[in-house]
Protein backbone atom coordinates (compact mmCIF):
# COMPACT_ATOMS: atom_id res chain seq x y z
CA MET A 1 29.15 0.70 7.18
CA PRO A 2 25.92 -0.79 9.34
CA ARG A 3 22.01 -1.21 7.49
CA TYR A 4 19.21 -0.75 9.40
CA LYS A 5 15.99 -2.24 8.55
CA ILE A 6 13.40 -0.17 10.14
CA ILE A 7 9.55 -0.65 10.25
CA VAL A 8 7.30 2.18 9.65
CA GLU A 9 3.49 3.57 10.11
CA TYR A 10 2.47 6.05 9.04
CA ASP A 11 -0.66 7.79 8.15
CA GLY A 12 -0.52 8.68 3.53
CA GLY A 13 -2.91 11.81 4.22
CA PRO A 14 -0.80 14.48 4.54
CA PHE A 15 1.58 13.59 2.02
CA SER A 16 2.35 13.29 -1.11
CA GLY A 17 3.19 9.59 -0.96
CA TRP A 18 6.05 7.33 -0.02
CA GLN A 19 8.39 9.08 -2.88
CA TRP A 20 10.86 12.01 -2.08
CA GLN A 21 10.21 14.77 -4.40
CA ASP A 22 11.58 18.91 -5.04
CA ASN A 23 7.97 20.06 -4.13
CA ALA A 24 5.82 18.30 -2.02
CA PRO A 25 6.40 16.04 1.58
CA SER A 26 6.71 12.38 1.62
CA VAL A 27 6.92 10.28 4.04
CA GLN A 28 11.04 8.56 1.95
CA GLY A 29 11.70 12.71 2.73
CA ALA A 30 9.98 12.82 6.26
CA LEU A 31 12.47 10.17 7.49
CA ILE A 32 15.63 11.05 5.67
CA ALA A 33 15.11 14.18 7.74
CA ALA A 34 15.29 12.68 10.82
CA VAL A 35 17.42 10.36 9.84
CA GLN A 36 20.21 13.17 9.05
CA ALA A 37 18.82 14.88 12.18
CA PHE A 38 20.22 12.97 14.64
CA SER A 39 22.62 11.07 12.56
CA GLY A 40 24.37 14.27 10.69
CA GLU A 41 24.66 12.34 8.13
CA ARG A 42 22.71 12.35 4.64
CA VAL A 43 21.70 9.23 3.72
CA GLN A 44 19.42 7.18 1.28
CA VAL A 45 16.18 5.60 3.24
CA GLN A 46 15.10 3.46 0.53
CA GLY A 47 11.18 1.18 1.15
CA ALA A 48 10.16 -1.72 -0.19
CA GLY A 49 6.80 0.21 -2.03
CA ARG A 50 6.55 3.49 -3.26
CA THR A 51 2.63 4.03 -2.10
CA ASP A 52 0.58 6.76 -3.38
CA ALA A 53 -0.11 10.04 -1.99
CA GLY A 54 -3.09 9.32 0.51
CA VAL A 55 -1.88 5.50 0.87
CA HIS A 56 -1.44 4.16 5.02
CA ALA A 57 1.35 1.53 5.89
CA LEU A 58 0.78 -0.19 8.52
CA GLY A 59 4.00 -2.09 8.19
CA GLN A 60 6.10 -1.08 5.45
CA VAL A 61 9.90 -1.80 4.96
CA ALA A 62 12.54 0.37 4.94
CA HIS A 63 17.03 0.37 5.27
CA PHE A 64 19.48 2.95 4.66
CA ASP A 65 23.09 3.00 6.15
CA LEU A 66 24.69 4.37 8.87
CA ALA A 67 28.58 5.19 8.94
CA SER A 68 28.69 4.24 12.43
CA ASP A 69 27.07 0.97 14.91
CA ARG A 70 24.85 2.01 16.27
CA ASP A 71 22.06 0.74 19.09
CA VAL A 72 19.31 -0.15 16.77
CA ASP A 73 16.56 0.83 19.53
CA THR A 74 18.76 4.67 20.40
CA VAL A 75 17.96 4.28 16.24
CA ARG A 76 14.04 4.00 16.26
CA ASP A 77 13.59 6.21 18.90
CA ALA A 78 15.92 9.34 17.78
CA ILE A 79 14.65 8.42 14.25
CA ASN A 80 10.63 8.67 16.28
CA ALA A 81 11.48 12.14 18.34
CA HIS A 82 12.67 13.91 14.96
CA LEU A 83 9.65 12.54 13.09
CA ARG A 84 6.93 14.62 15.14
CA PRO A 85 4.68 15.71 14.56
CA HIS A 86 4.38 14.07 11.14
CA PRO A 87 2.75 10.79 11.45
CA VAL A 88 4.74 8.58 11.58
CA ALA A 89 6.22 6.10 13.39
CA VAL A 90 9.11 3.77 13.08
CA LEU A 91 7.62 0.30 14.82
CA SER A 92 11.34 -1.10 15.59
CA ALA A 93 14.40 -1.67 13.77
CA GLU A 94 17.62 -3.73 13.48
CA LYS A 95 20.92 -4.40 11.73
CA VAL A 96 20.63 -6.16 8.56
CA ALA A 97 23.57 -8.25 6.64
CA ALA A 98 24.43 -5.29 3.55
CA ASN A 99 23.09 -7.10 0.34
CA PHE A 100 19.78 -6.98 2.03
CA ASN A 101 17.60 -4.07 0.34
CA ALA A 102 14.24 -3.44 1.48
CA ARG A 103 12.44 -3.42 -2.31
CA ARG A 104 14.44 -6.24 -3.90
CA SER A 105 13.99 -8.62 -1.01
CA ALA A 106 11.13 -8.51 -0.93
CA ILE A 107 9.41 -11.83 -1.69
CA ARG A 108 5.63 -11.03 -1.11
CA ARG A 109 3.08 -7.45 0.22
CA HIS A 110 0.63 -7.58 1.79
CA TYR A 111 -1.98 -5.05 1.13
CA LEU A 112 -5.61 -4.43 2.98
CA TYR A 113 -8.34 -1.42 2.00
CA ARG A 114 -10.80 -0.67 3.98
CA ILE A 115 -14.39 -0.23 2.94
CA ALA A 116 -16.84 1.30 5.32
CA ASN A 117 -20.21 -0.12 4.60
CA ARG A 118 -23.26 2.38 6.01
CA ARG A 119 -25.09 5.63 5.06
CA PRO A 120 -23.43 6.91 7.65
CA ASP A 121 -20.79 9.75 7.15
CA LEU A 122 -17.40 9.33 8.97
CA ALA A 123 -16.17 11.05 11.82
CA ILE A 124 -13.62 9.27 13.44
CA GLU A 125 -12.51 7.21 9.83
CA ARG A 126 -12.40 9.77 7.36
CA GLY A 127 -9.57 9.59 5.56
CA ARG A 128 -8.72 6.29 6.54
CA ALA A 129 -11.82 4.36 4.70
CA TRP A 130 -13.39 5.34 1.45
CA ARG A 131 -17.77 5.42 2.70
CA VAL A 132 -19.78 2.75 0.73
CA PRO A 133 -23.36 3.60 1.93
CA ARG A 134 -25.32 1.09 -0.15
CA ARG A 135 -25.31 -2.50 1.37
CA LEU A 136 -21.97 -4.76 -0.65
CA ASP A 137 -22.81 -8.03 -1.39
CA GLU A 138 -19.13 -9.63 -0.12
CA ALA A 139 -19.63 -12.42 -1.62
CA ALA A 140 -20.48 -11.98 -4.70
CA MET A 141 -16.98 -10.13 -4.06
CA HIS A 142 -14.69 -12.86 -3.53
CA GLU A 143 -16.55 -14.72 -5.79
CA ALA A 144 -15.21 -11.93 -8.49
CA ALA A 145 -12.24 -11.92 -6.90
CA GLN A 146 -11.00 -15.06 -7.65
CA ARG A 147 -11.13 -14.36 -10.95
CA LEU A 148 -8.44 -11.84 -10.60
CA VAL A 149 -6.08 -14.66 -8.50
CA GLY A 150 -3.55 -16.54 -10.47
CA ARG A 151 -0.85 -14.69 -13.08
CA HIS A 152 -2.77 -12.54 -15.30
CA ASP A 153 -2.58 -9.90 -18.22
CA PHE A 154 -3.67 -6.84 -15.77
CA THR A 155 -3.86 -4.18 -18.17
CA THR A 156 -6.80 -3.14 -17.17
CA PHE A 157 -6.40 -2.65 -13.69
CA ARG A 158 -3.31 -0.60 -14.86
CA SER A 159 -3.22 3.34 -14.05
CA THR A 160 -1.99 4.73 -17.81
CA GLU A 161 1.42 5.82 -15.59
CA CYS A 162 2.57 2.88 -14.32
CA GLN A 163 5.96 2.60 -15.52
CA ALA A 164 6.29 -1.19 -15.24
CA LYS A 165 8.62 -3.40 -18.00
CA SER A 166 5.32 -6.59 -18.72
CA PRO A 167 1.69 -6.08 -17.39
CA GLU A 168 2.08 -8.66 -15.51
CA LYS A 169 1.77 -9.78 -12.58
CA THR A 170 0.83 -13.45 -10.22
CA LEU A 171 -2.06 -12.50 -7.71
CA ASP A 172 -1.21 -15.15 -4.67
CA ARG A 173 -4.81 -13.88 -2.97
CA LEU A 174 -7.51 -12.36 -3.20
CA ASP A 175 -10.53 -12.70 -0.72
CA VAL A 176 -13.25 -10.35 0.31
CA ALA A 177 -14.68 -11.38 3.76
CA ARG A 178 -16.79 -8.58 5.82
CA ALA A 179 -16.42 -6.97 9.35
CA GLY A 180 -19.44 -5.63 10.92
CA ASP A 181 -19.98 -2.79 8.81
CA GLU A 182 -16.85 -3.18 6.91
CA VAL A 183 -15.39 -4.75 4.07
CA HIS A 184 -12.23 -6.14 3.92
CA ILE A 185 -10.01 -6.74 0.64
CA THR A 186 -7.23 -8.26 1.02
CA ALA A 187 -4.83 -8.34 -1.60
CA VAL A 188 -1.37 -10.35 -1.45
CA ALA A 189 1.71 -10.81 -4.70
CA ARG A 190 4.71 -10.31 -4.82
CA SER A 191 4.64 -6.72 -6.15
CA PHE A 192 1.46 -4.80 -7.87
CA LEU A 193 1.33 -2.18 -10.18
CA HIS A 194 0.71 1.09 -9.88
CA ASN A 195 -3.15 1.81 -9.09
CA GLN A 196 -3.24 -2.03 -9.45
CA VAL A 197 -4.97 -2.76 -6.18
CA ARG A 198 -7.23 0.63 -6.31
CA SER A 199 -8.93 -0.34 -9.80
CA MET A 200 -9.34 -4.37 -9.31
CA VAL A 201 -11.43 -3.02 -5.66
CA GLY A 202 -13.01 -0.10 -7.62
CA SER A 203 -14.10 -3.20 -9.96
CA LEU A 204 -15.15 -5.27 -7.29
CA ALA A 205 -17.20 -2.67 -5.65
CA LEU A 206 -19.70 -2.96 -9.08
CA VAL A 207 -19.99 -6.39 -8.72
CA GLY A 208 -20.82 -5.62 -4.74
CA ASP A 209 -23.13 -2.88 -5.71
CA ARG A 210 -25.45 -5.74 -8.06
CA LYS A 211 -23.87 -3.28 -11.07
CA TRP A 212 -22.03 -5.70 -12.09
CA SER A 213 -21.63 -9.72 -12.88
CA VAL A 214 -19.18 -12.23 -11.97
CA ASP A 215 -19.17 -12.96 -15.57
CA ASP A 216 -18.52 -9.15 -16.20
CA LEU A 217 -15.68 -8.85 -14.14
CA GLY A 218 -13.64 -11.87 -16.00
CA GLN A 219 -14.85 -10.14 -19.12
CA ALA A 220 -12.77 -6.65 -17.81
CA LEU A 221 -10.49 -8.48 -16.94
CA ALA A 222 -9.73 -10.59 -20.36
CA ALA A 223 -10.41 -6.63 -22.38
CA ARG A 224 -6.80 -6.09 -21.37
CA ASN A 225 -7.37 -2.67 -21.76
CA ARG A 226 -7.69 0.76 -19.19
CA THR A 227 -11.09 0.94 -20.48
CA ALA A 228 -13.07 -1.84 -18.90
CA CYS A 229 -11.60 -0.55 -16.08
CA GLY A 230 -14.00 -0.12 -12.71
CA PRO A 231 -14.32 3.79 -11.25
CA VAL A 232 -10.71 3.56 -9.03
CA ALA A 233 -11.16 3.28 -5.67
CA PRO A 234 -10.07 6.37 -3.31
CA PRO A 235 -6.46 5.69 -1.79
CA ASP A 236 -8.16 6.26 1.50
CA GLY A 237 -9.05 3.19 2.25
CA LEU A 238 -5.64 1.19 1.09
CA TYR A 239 -3.14 0.30 3.97
CA LEU A 240 0.08 -1.75 3.76
CA VAL A 241 -0.30 -4.09 6.27
CA LYS A 242 3.79 -5.65 6.12
CA VAL A 243 5.96 -6.77 3.09
CA ASP A 244 7.20 -10.72 3.91
CA TYR A 245 11.13 -11.20 3.68
């Protein structure tokens, strides 16, 4: 039974998130239906990350098994044909070893958060970035972000609904840089807690808006208390960029 790895791009706006649900549209559900439509098989499509409602992906990775051996380009194109008109596209497909697991085999996940740092409303990018009209100090944000790099108890930046067994995670990178009228925040780690990236971004925005100091962010982390977190950034600006194996 061959196993296929696919790389998937999607606009998370119309979906309740990656995870399949009985009564709401999901990216996983759309992929399961598309695979079944072309193969006649009801398979489990497992993703590398369970993105939340409204969160996008440029390089989500998933895997599934089929009973018969298929050409990988045919798999890609057939799934895409049956995904229309959903804003989901399979960028590539390849055969992988039977022990490959999109979630458990991952060694690093890369996320990008886009802040549209401008006064005018968003037109083309509405739903795909978080507009913050006041000029943010990206240098202060980057300095503060380094307080979060490394292994820490991230309880402050963890959703109260998070089901992870431990609040401790190792954050490999958290960089903040300006790109024209956007501020980009890049987060890299093996895995993240529920809402961790959006929680960190919301607090970093307070630093950029000069409402918090760099030390305030460090104190919020040390508090290990969800109430010490700044406002959670909206899902619109968050992208799962790629997954390393």
